[in-house]
């Protein structure tokens, strides 16, 4: 009985070390930060943020599209050329707060060939009413 338990434990440990020794191949996007808070802004303000990322994979990373959740958010720039393994790049996103009031939560989806699939970054802002001019 003790031998069976020891044999099973050995096989489990050996199997785990074999799995951890295997490396995934392909592109892998890694974000410095996946969320950003603009804080309080005034209705009508246009603000933008740069999300930084790198390719931690073994193959070039290719971003084919960037999707947003509404017309108030614009992906202003992302690399159109493949990002080599180990290299860094940026995604610039603009938010137009015209017509918005209160807390805003927006999602930006990055479509790529990354082995983990599509990735997302988010931003938030609290949009305050514009003060009436005298």
Protein backbone atom coordinates (compact mmCIF):
# COMPACT_ATOMS: atom_id res chain seq x y z
CA UNK A 1 0.00 0.00 0.00
CA UNK A 2 2.76 2.46 0.95
CA UNK A 3 4.58 1.59 -2.27
CA UNK A 4 1.47 2.37 -4.35
CA UNK A 5 1.02 5.76 -2.68
CA UNK A 6 4.71 6.61 -3.18
CA UNK A 7 4.56 5.49 -6.81
CA UNK A 8 1.47 7.61 -7.48
CA UNK A 9 3.06 10.64 -5.75
CA UNK A 10 6.23 10.19 -7.82
CA UNK A 11 4.26 9.97 -11.07
CA UNK A 12 2.29 13.11 -10.21
CA UNK A 13 5.43 15.10 -9.38
CA UNK A 14 7.21 13.81 -12.49
CA UNK A 15 4.20 14.71 -14.64
CA UNK A 16 4.03 18.24 -13.22
CA UNK A 17 7.71 18.86 -13.84
CA UNK A 18 7.32 17.63 -17.42
CA UNK A 19 4.41 20.01 -18.01
CA UNK A 20 6.29 22.98 -16.53
CA UNK A 21 9.34 22.18 -18.66
CA UNK A 22 7.27 22.47 -21.83
CA UNK A 23 7.11 25.96 -23.30
CA UNK A 24 4.27 27.41 -25.28
CA UNK A 25 5.22 28.64 -28.70
CA UNK A 26 3.62 31.57 -30.44
CA UNK A 27 3.00 35.25 -29.80
CA UNK A 28 2.12 36.41 -26.27
CA UNK A 29 0.94 39.93 -25.46
CA UNK A 30 1.84 41.21 -21.99
CA UNK A 31 0.48 44.57 -20.83
CA UNK A 32 2.26 46.91 -18.42
CA UNK A 33 -1.20 47.92 -17.17
CA UNK A 34 -4.59 46.75 -18.39
CA UNK A 35 -6.63 49.49 -16.71
CA UNK A 36 -6.41 53.28 -16.54
CA UNK A 37 -8.49 55.86 -14.67
CA UNK A 38 -8.70 59.37 -16.16
CA UNK A 39 -10.24 60.58 -12.90
CA UNK A 40 -12.63 63.53 -13.11
CA UNK A 41 -12.97 65.27 -16.46
CA UNK A 42 -15.47 67.83 -17.76
CA UNK A 43 -18.11 66.91 -20.33
CA UNK A 44 -16.71 67.64 -23.78
CA UNK A 45 -13.08 66.93 -22.85
CA UNK A 46 -11.09 64.64 -25.14
CA UNK A 47 -8.48 62.63 -23.27
CA UNK A 48 -6.15 59.88 -24.35
CA UNK A 49 -3.98 57.23 -22.79
CA UNK A 50 -1.15 55.09 -24.08
CA UNK A 51 -1.26 51.42 -23.08
CA UNK A 52 2.19 49.82 -23.31
CA UNK A 53 2.74 46.14 -24.04
CA UNK A 54 5.38 43.69 -25.15
CA UNK A 55 5.54 40.40 -26.98
CA UNK A 56 6.75 37.83 -24.46
CA UNK A 57 6.19 34.98 -26.91
CA UNK A 58 8.41 33.11 -29.32
CA UNK A 59 6.76 34.27 -32.57
CA UNK A 60 5.95 37.74 -33.97
CA UNK A 61 2.78 39.33 -32.56
CA UNK A 62 0.35 40.62 -35.18
CA UNK A 63 -2.52 42.90 -34.16
CA UNK A 64 -5.25 42.64 -36.78
CA UNK A 65 -7.89 44.90 -35.19
CA UNK A 66 -8.79 46.97 -32.16
CA UNK A 67 -12.48 47.07 -31.21
CA UNK A 68 -14.20 49.56 -28.92
CA UNK A 69 -17.56 49.51 -27.16
CA UNK A 70 -18.91 52.85 -28.39
CA UNK A 71 -18.28 55.74 -30.76
CA UNK A 72 -16.88 57.86 -27.91
CA UNK A 73 -13.74 55.72 -27.85
CA UNK A 74 -11.20 55.77 -30.66
CA UNK A 75 -8.13 53.58 -31.04
CA UNK A 76 -5.75 56.24 -32.36
CA UNK A 77 -2.77 54.09 -33.01
CA UNK A 78 -1.35 50.61 -32.76
CA UNK A 79 1.46 48.81 -34.60
CA UNK A 80 0.47 47.58 -38.06
CA UNK A 81 3.75 45.67 -38.48
CA UNK A 82 4.50 42.47 -36.56
CA UNK A 83 6.07 42.95 -33.12
CA UNK A 84 9.09 40.68 -32.75
CA UNK A 85 9.51 38.50 -29.64
CA UNK A 86 10.86 40.58 -26.77
CA UNK A 87 9.97 43.92 -28.38
CA UNK A 88 7.67 46.61 -26.93
CA UNK A 89 4.86 48.59 -28.55
CA UNK A 90 1.98 50.91 -27.69
CA UNK A 91 -1.77 51.29 -28.17
CA UNK A 92 -3.13 54.85 -27.97
CA UNK A 93 -6.82 55.22 -27.08
CA UNK A 94 -8.83 58.46 -27.07
CA UNK A 95 -12.06 59.08 -25.17
CA UNK A 96 -14.43 61.90 -26.17
CA UNK A 97 -16.65 62.75 -23.21
CA UNK A 98 -19.11 64.90 -25.20
CA UNK A 99 -22.65 63.86 -24.30
CA UNK A 100 -21.51 61.75 -21.34
CA UNK A 101 -22.17 62.40 -17.66
CA UNK A 102 -21.18 60.33 -14.62
CA UNK A 103 -18.98 57.28 -14.27
CA UNK A 104 -17.80 55.79 -17.60
CA UNK A 105 -16.29 52.33 -17.97
CA UNK A 106 -14.98 51.45 -21.43
CA UNK A 107 -13.44 48.27 -22.83
CA UNK A 108 -10.99 48.04 -25.72
CA UNK A 109 -10.48 44.60 -27.29
CA UNK A 110 -7.24 43.81 -29.10
CA UNK A 111 -7.58 41.15 -31.80
CA UNK A 112 -4.25 39.42 -32.45
CA UNK A 113 -2.53 36.13 -33.09
CA UNK A 114 -1.55 35.78 -29.41
CA UNK A 115 -1.81 32.21 -28.16
CA UNK A 116 -3.97 33.33 -25.24
CA UNK A 117 -6.50 34.84 -27.64
CA UNK A 118 -7.89 38.34 -27.72
CA UNK A 119 -6.94 40.65 -24.88
CA UNK A 120 -8.65 43.63 -23.32
CA UNK A 121 -7.69 46.88 -21.69
CA UNK A 122 -10.12 49.15 -19.90
CA UNK A 123 -10.38 52.75 -18.81
CA UNK A 124 -12.68 54.69 -16.57
CA UNK A 125 -13.54 58.36 -16.11
CA UNK A 126 -15.98 60.39 -14.09
CA UNK A 127 -17.49 62.97 -16.41
CA UNK A 128 -18.68 66.14 -14.67
CA UNK A 129 -21.22 68.59 -16.07
CA UNK A 130 -19.70 71.61 -17.75
CA UNK A 131 -20.11 74.74 -15.62
CA UNK A 132 -22.47 77.31 -17.10
CA UNK A 133 -20.66 80.27 -18.59
CA UNK A 134 -21.65 83.77 -17.45
